[in-house]
PDB file of all heavy atoms in Angstrom:
ATOM      1  N   PRO A   1       4.853  -5.254 -10.420  1.00  0.00           N
ATOM      2  CA  PRO A   1       4.317  -5.622 -11.758  1.00  0.00           C
ATOM      3  C   PRO A   1       3.775  -7.051 -11.773  1.00  0.00           C
ATOM      4  O   PRO A   1       4.506  -8.016 -11.447  1.00  0.00           O
ATOM      5  CB  PRO A   1       5.544  -5.475 -12.655  1.00  0.00           C
ATOM      6  CG  PRO A   1       6.371  -4.439 -11.966  1.00  0.00           C
ATOM      7  CD  PRO A   1       6.155  -4.724 -10.481  1.00  0.00           C
ATOM      8  N   GLY A   2       2.456  -7.203 -12.078  1.00  0.00           N
ATOM      9  CA  GLY A   2       1.884  -8.514 -12.187  1.00  0.00           C
ATOM     10  C   GLY A   2       1.406  -9.135 -10.903  1.00  0.00           C
ATOM     11  O   GLY A   2       0.869 -10.238 -10.935  1.00  0.00           O
ATOM     12  N   THR A   3       1.531  -8.471  -9.756  1.00  0.00           N
ATOM     13  CA  THR A   3       1.076  -9.072  -8.495  1.00  0.00           C
ATOM     14  C   THR A   3       0.684  -8.037  -7.483  1.00  0.00           C
ATOM     15  O   THR A   3       1.297  -6.934  -7.459  1.00  0.00           O
ATOM     16  CB  THR A   3       2.118 -10.038  -7.942  1.00  0.00           C
ATOM     17  OG1 THR A   3       1.546 -10.735  -6.855  1.00  0.00           O
ATOM     18  CG2 THR A   3       3.354  -9.328  -7.453  1.00  0.00           C
ATOM     19  N   VAL A   4      -0.274  -8.331  -6.655  1.00  0.00           N
ATOM     20  CA  VAL A   4      -0.650  -7.476  -5.547  1.00  0.00           C
ATOM     21  C   VAL A   4       0.035  -8.010  -4.316  1.00  0.00           C
ATOM     22  O   VAL A   4       0.016  -9.243  -4.078  1.00  0.00           O
ATOM     23  CB  VAL A   4      -2.189  -7.477  -5.360  1.00  0.00           C
ATOM     24  CG1 VAL A   4      -2.589  -6.695  -4.120  1.00  0.00           C
ATOM     25  CG2 VAL A   4      -2.913  -6.904  -6.563  1.00  0.00           C
ATOM     26  N   ILE A   5       0.644  -7.138  -3.511  1.00  0.00           N
ATOM     27  CA  ILE A   5       1.349  -7.626  -2.327  1.00  0.00           C
ATOM     28  C   ILE A   5       0.688  -7.200  -1.013  1.00  0.00           C
ATOM     29  O   ILE A   5       0.996  -7.643   0.026  1.00  0.00           O
ATOM     30  CB  ILE A   5       2.811  -7.262  -2.299  1.00  0.00           C
ATOM     31  CG1 ILE A   5       3.017  -5.714  -2.370  1.00  0.00           C
ATOM     32  CG2 ILE A   5       3.580  -7.906  -3.422  1.00  0.00           C
ATOM     33  CD1 ILE A   5       4.402  -5.239  -2.123  1.00  0.00           C
ATOM     34  N   GLY A   6      -0.302  -6.304  -1.126  1.00  0.00           N
ATOM     35  CA  GLY A   6      -1.007  -5.896   0.116  1.00  0.00           C
ATOM     36  C   GLY A   6      -1.771  -4.626  -0.039  1.00  0.00           C
ATOM     37  O   GLY A   6      -1.821  -4.008  -1.121  1.00  0.00           O
ATOM     38  N   TRP A   7      -2.396  -4.217   1.024  1.00  0.00           N
ATOM     39  CA  TRP A   7      -3.155  -2.981   1.100  1.00  0.00           C
ATOM     40  C   TRP A   7      -2.310  -1.903   1.762  1.00  0.00           C
ATOM     41  O   TRP A   7      -1.365  -2.236   2.508  1.00  0.00           O
ATOM     42  CB  TRP A   7      -4.380  -3.126   1.948  1.00  0.00           C
ATOM     43  CG  TRP A   7      -5.519  -3.909   1.338  1.00  0.00           C
ATOM     44  CD1 TRP A   7      -5.622  -4.328   0.055  1.00  0.00           C
ATOM     45  CD2 TRP A   7      -6.745  -4.284   1.999  1.00  0.00           C
ATOM     46  NE1 TRP A   7      -6.816  -5.010  -0.100  1.00  0.00           N
ATOM     47  CE2 TRP A   7      -7.517  -4.952   1.038  1.00  0.00           C
ATOM     48  CE3 TRP A   7      -7.202  -4.124   3.260  1.00  0.00           C
ATOM     49  CZ2 TRP A   7      -8.743  -5.498   1.357  1.00  0.00           C
ATOM     50  CZ3 TRP A   7      -8.430  -4.662   3.570  1.00  0.00           C
ATOM     51  CH2 TRP A   7      -9.210  -5.323   2.630  1.00  0.00           C
ATOM     52  N   ASP A   8      -2.697  -0.685   1.564  1.00  0.00           N
ATOM     53  CA  ASP A   8      -2.188   0.427   2.336  1.00  0.00           C
ATOM     54  C   ASP A   8      -2.977   0.368   3.651  1.00  0.00           C
ATOM     55  O   ASP A   8      -4.146   0.766   3.692  1.00  0.00           O
ATOM     56  CB  ASP A   8      -2.431   1.749   1.620  1.00  0.00           C
ATOM     57  CG  ASP A   8      -1.972   2.952   2.388  1.00  0.00           C
ATOM     58  OD1 ASP A   8      -1.764   2.854   3.629  1.00  0.00           O
ATOM     59  OD2 ASP A   8      -1.789   4.028   1.769  1.00  0.00           O
ATOM     60  N   LEU A   9      -2.330  -0.179   4.703  1.00  0.00           N
ATOM     61  CA  LEU A   9      -3.089  -0.431   5.955  1.00  0.00           C
ATOM     62  C   LEU A   9      -3.518   0.843   6.622  1.00  0.00           C
ATOM     63  O   LEU A   9      -4.557   0.896   7.270  1.00  0.00           O
ATOM     64  CB  LEU A   9      -2.267  -1.281   6.854  1.00  0.00           C
ATOM     65  CG  LEU A   9      -2.098  -2.720   6.408  1.00  0.00           C
ATOM     66  CD1 LEU A   9      -1.325  -3.558   7.429  1.00  0.00           C
ATOM     67  CD2 LEU A   9      -3.444  -3.378   6.100  1.00  0.00           C
ATOM     68  N   ASN A  10      -2.736   1.943   6.482  1.00  0.00           N
ATOM     69  CA  ASN A  10      -3.210   3.232   7.055  1.00  0.00           C
ATOM     70  C   ASN A  10      -4.479   3.625   6.385  1.00  0.00           C
ATOM     71  O   ASN A  10      -5.432   4.116   7.067  1.00  0.00           O
ATOM     72  CB  ASN A  10      -2.145   4.319   6.870  1.00  0.00           C
ATOM     73  CG  ASN A  10      -0.944   4.147   7.813  1.00  0.00           C
ATOM     74  OD1 ASN A  10      -1.149   3.600   8.915  1.00  0.00           O
ATOM     75  ND2 ASN A  10       0.210   4.570   7.420  1.00  0.00           N
ATOM     76  N   ALA A  11      -4.617   3.496   5.120  1.00  0.00           N
ATOM     77  CA  ALA A  11      -5.858   3.859   4.379  1.00  0.00           C
ATOM     78  C   ALA A  11      -6.995   2.958   4.865  1.00  0.00           C
ATOM     79  O   ALA A  11      -8.102   3.366   5.060  1.00  0.00           O
ATOM     80  CB  ALA A  11      -5.654   3.784   2.910  1.00  0.00           C
ATOM     81  N   ALA A  12      -6.729   1.645   4.973  1.00  0.00           N
ATOM     82  CA  ALA A  12      -7.781   0.680   5.395  1.00  0.00           C
ATOM     83  C   ALA A  12      -8.249   0.997   6.800  1.00  0.00           C
ATOM     84  O   ALA A  12      -9.441   0.954   7.036  1.00  0.00           O
ATOM     85  CB  ALA A  12      -7.205  -0.714   5.305  1.00  0.00           C
ATOM     86  N   LEU A  13      -7.351   1.350   7.703  1.00  0.00           N
ATOM     87  CA  LEU A  13      -7.731   1.649   9.067  1.00  0.00           C
ATOM     88  C   LEU A  13      -8.502   2.971   9.104  1.00  0.00           C
ATOM     89  O   LEU A  13      -9.449   3.155   9.902  1.00  0.00           O
ATOM     90  CB  LEU A  13      -6.536   1.668   9.998  1.00  0.00           C
ATOM     91  CG  LEU A  13      -5.879   0.314  10.224  1.00  0.00           C
ATOM     92  CD1 LEU A  13      -4.596   0.470  11.035  1.00  0.00           C
ATOM     93  CD2 LEU A  13      -6.844  -0.663  10.900  1.00  0.00           C
ATOM     94  N   GLY A  14      -8.063   3.932   8.227  1.00  0.00           N
ATOM     95  CA  GLY A  14      -8.801   5.191   8.138  1.00  0.00           C
ATOM     96  C   GLY A  14     -10.219   4.999   7.645  1.00  0.00           C
ATOM     97  O   GLY A  14     -11.180   5.647   8.138  1.00  0.00           O
ATOM     98  N   LEU A  15     -10.379   4.141   6.652  1.00  0.00           N
ATOM     99  CA  LEU A  15     -11.690   3.807   6.111  1.00  0.00           C
ATOM    100  C   LEU A  15     -12.569   3.135   7.191  1.00  0.00           C
ATOM    101  O   LEU A  15     -13.759   3.509   7.384  1.00  0.00           O
ATOM    102  CB  LEU A  15     -11.599   2.890   4.897  1.00  0.00           C
ATOM    103  CG  LEU A  15     -12.910   2.434   4.289  1.00  0.00           C
ATOM    104  CD1 LEU A  15     -13.726   3.621   3.810  1.00  0.00           C
ATOM    105  CD2 LEU A  15     -12.596   1.497   3.143  1.00  0.00           C
ATOM    106  N   ALA A  16     -11.979   2.254   7.948  1.00  0.00           N
ATOM    107  CA  ALA A  16     -12.689   1.585   9.025  1.00  0.00           C
ATOM    108  C   ALA A  16     -13.176   2.621  10.073  1.00  0.00           C
ATOM    109  O   ALA A  16     -14.298   2.576  10.499  1.00  0.00           O
ATOM    110  CB  ALA A  16     -11.819   0.511   9.717  1.00  0.00           C
ATOM    111  N   ALA A  17     -12.310   3.565  10.370  1.00  0.00           N
ATOM    112  CA  ALA A  17     -12.675   4.616  11.335  1.00  0.00           C
ATOM    113  C   ALA A  17     -13.802   5.476  10.787  1.00  0.00           C
ATOM    114  O   ALA A  17     -14.756   5.771  11.504  1.00  0.00           O
ATOM    115  CB  ALA A  17     -11.478   5.522  11.662  1.00  0.00           C
ATOM    116  N   ALA A  18     -13.737   5.794   9.505  1.00  0.00           N
ATOM    117  CA  ALA A  18     -14.819   6.588   8.897  1.00  0.00           C
ATOM    118  C   ALA A  18     -16.136   5.844   8.863  1.00  0.00           C
ATOM    119  O   ALA A  18     -17.207   6.491   8.904  1.00  0.00           O
ATOM    120  CB  ALA A  18     -14.398   6.972   7.439  1.00  0.00           C
ATOM    121  N   LEU A  19     -16.067   4.503   8.857  1.00  0.00           N
ATOM    122  CA  LEU A  19     -17.310   3.712   8.857  1.00  0.00           C
ATOM    123  C   LEU A  19     -17.802   3.450  10.263  1.00  0.00           C
ATOM    124  O   LEU A  19     -18.788   2.790  10.483  1.00  0.00           O
ATOM    125  CB  LEU A  19     -17.040   2.395   8.128  1.00  0.00           C
ATOM    126  CG  LEU A  19     -16.857   2.466   6.650  1.00  0.00           C
ATOM    127  CD1 LEU A  19     -16.357   1.130   6.068  1.00  0.00           C
ATOM    128  CD2 LEU A  19     -18.112   2.941   5.942  1.00  0.00           C
ATOM    129  N   GLY A  20     -17.021   3.913  11.295  1.00  0.00           N
ATOM    130  CA  GLY A  20     -17.450   3.770  12.670  1.00  0.00           C
ATOM    131  C   GLY A  20     -17.039   2.452  13.295  1.00  0.00           C
ATOM    132  O   GLY A  20     -17.549   2.070  14.323  1.00  0.00           O
ATOM    133  N   ILE A  21     -16.114   1.742  12.647  1.00  0.00           N
ATOM    134  CA  ILE A  21     -15.663   0.484  13.203  1.00  0.00           C
ATOM    135  C   ILE A  21     -14.607   0.809  14.273  1.00  0.00           C
ATOM    136  O   ILE A  21     -13.647   1.502  14.019  1.00  0.00           O
ATOM    137  CB  ILE A  21     -15.070  -0.428  12.088  1.00  0.00           C
ATOM    138  CG1 ILE A  21     -16.141  -0.722  11.041  1.00  0.00           C
ATOM    139  CG2 ILE A  21     -14.439  -1.691  12.662  1.00  0.00           C
ATOM    140  CD1 ILE A  21     -15.582  -1.341   9.770  1.00  0.00           C
ATOM    141  N   PRO A  22     -14.786   0.283  15.458  1.00  0.00           N
ATOM    142  CA  PRO A  22     -13.806   0.567  16.535  1.00  0.00           C
ATOM    143  C   PRO A  22     -12.382   0.128  16.156  1.00  0.00           C
ATOM    144  O   PRO A  22     -12.206  -0.946  15.570  1.00  0.00           O
ATOM    145  CB  PRO A  22     -14.339  -0.278  17.712  1.00  0.00           C
ATOM    146  CG  PRO A  22     -15.766  -0.592  17.425  1.00  0.00           C
ATOM    147  CD  PRO A  22     -15.859  -0.600  15.938  1.00  0.00           C
ATOM    148  N   PRO A  23     -11.396   0.958  16.474  1.00  0.00           N
ATOM    149  CA  PRO A  23     -10.019   0.607  16.152  1.00  0.00           C
ATOM    150  C   PRO A  23      -9.529  -0.759  16.529  1.00  0.00           C
ATOM    151  O   PRO A  23      -8.909  -1.429  15.726  1.00  0.00           O
ATOM    152  CB  PRO A  23      -9.170   1.715  16.812  1.00  0.00           C
ATOM    153  CG  PRO A  23     -10.163   2.917  16.866  1.00  0.00           C
ATOM    154  CD  PRO A  23     -11.498   2.262  17.164  1.00  0.00           C
ATOM    155  N   PRO A  24      -9.862  -1.237  17.757  1.00  0.00           N
ATOM    156  CA  PRO A  24      -9.383  -2.619  18.032  1.00  0.00           C
ATOM    157  C   PRO A  24     -10.008  -3.685  17.140  1.00  0.00           C
ATOM    158  O   PRO A  24      -9.293  -4.607  16.775  1.00  0.00           O
ATOM    159  CB  PRO A  24      -9.836  -2.824  19.509  1.00  0.00           C
ATOM    160  CG  PRO A  24      -9.958  -1.458  20.093  1.00  0.00           C
ATOM    161  CD  PRO A  24     -10.449  -0.579  18.935  1.00  0.00           C
ATOM    162  N   ALA A  25     -11.237  -3.497  16.806  1.00  0.00           N
ATOM    163  CA  ALA A  25     -11.867  -4.458  15.856  1.00  0.00           C
ATOM    164  C   ALA A  25     -11.253  -4.384  14.481  1.00  0.00           C
ATOM    165  O   ALA A  25     -10.955  -5.418  13.830  1.00  0.00           O
ATOM    166  CB  ALA A  25     -13.345  -4.186  15.754  1.00  0.00           C
ATOM    167  N   ALA A  26     -10.993  -3.184  13.979  1.00  0.00           N
ATOM    168  CA  ALA A  26     -10.348  -2.990  12.674  1.00  0.00           C
ATOM    169  C   ALA A  26      -8.970  -3.588  12.685  1.00  0.00           C
ATOM    170  O   ALA A  26      -8.583  -4.293  11.739  1.00  0.00           O
ATOM    171  CB  ALA A  26     -10.321  -1.523  12.330  1.00  0.00           C
ATOM    172  N   ALA A  27      -8.195  -3.345  13.754  1.00  0.00           N
ATOM    173  CA  ALA A  27      -6.814  -3.865  13.824  1.00  0.00           C
ATOM    174  C   ALA A  27      -6.807  -5.416  13.819  1.00  0.00           C
ATOM    175  O   ALA A  27      -5.916  -6.047  13.280  1.00  0.00           O
ATOM    176  CB  ALA A  27      -6.168  -3.364  15.073  1.00  0.00           C
ATOM    177  N   GLU A  28      -7.852  -5.986  14.360  1.00  0.00           N
ATOM    178  CA  GLU A  28      -7.971  -7.481  14.389  1.00  0.00           C
ATOM    179  C   GLU A  28      -8.438  -8.031  13.025  1.00  0.00           C
ATOM    180  O   GLU A  28      -7.934  -9.064  12.550  1.00  0.00           O
ATOM    181  CB  GLU A  28      -8.980  -7.850  15.460  1.00  0.00           C
ATOM    182  CG  GLU A  28      -9.026  -9.355  15.747  1.00  0.00           C
ATOM    183  CD  GLU A  28      -7.828  -9.852  16.554  1.00  0.00           C
ATOM    184  OE1 GLU A  28      -7.220  -9.060  17.274  1.00  0.00           O
ATOM    185  OE2 GLU A  28      -7.490 -11.034  16.370  1.00  0.00           O
TER     186      GLU A  28
END
């Protein structure tokens, strides 16, 4: 409540994969 603490990293890495970003680059 009242603050953001982070992203769902699994979703962010999945989005990166869908965009064609190589996993090592996304992880970095």
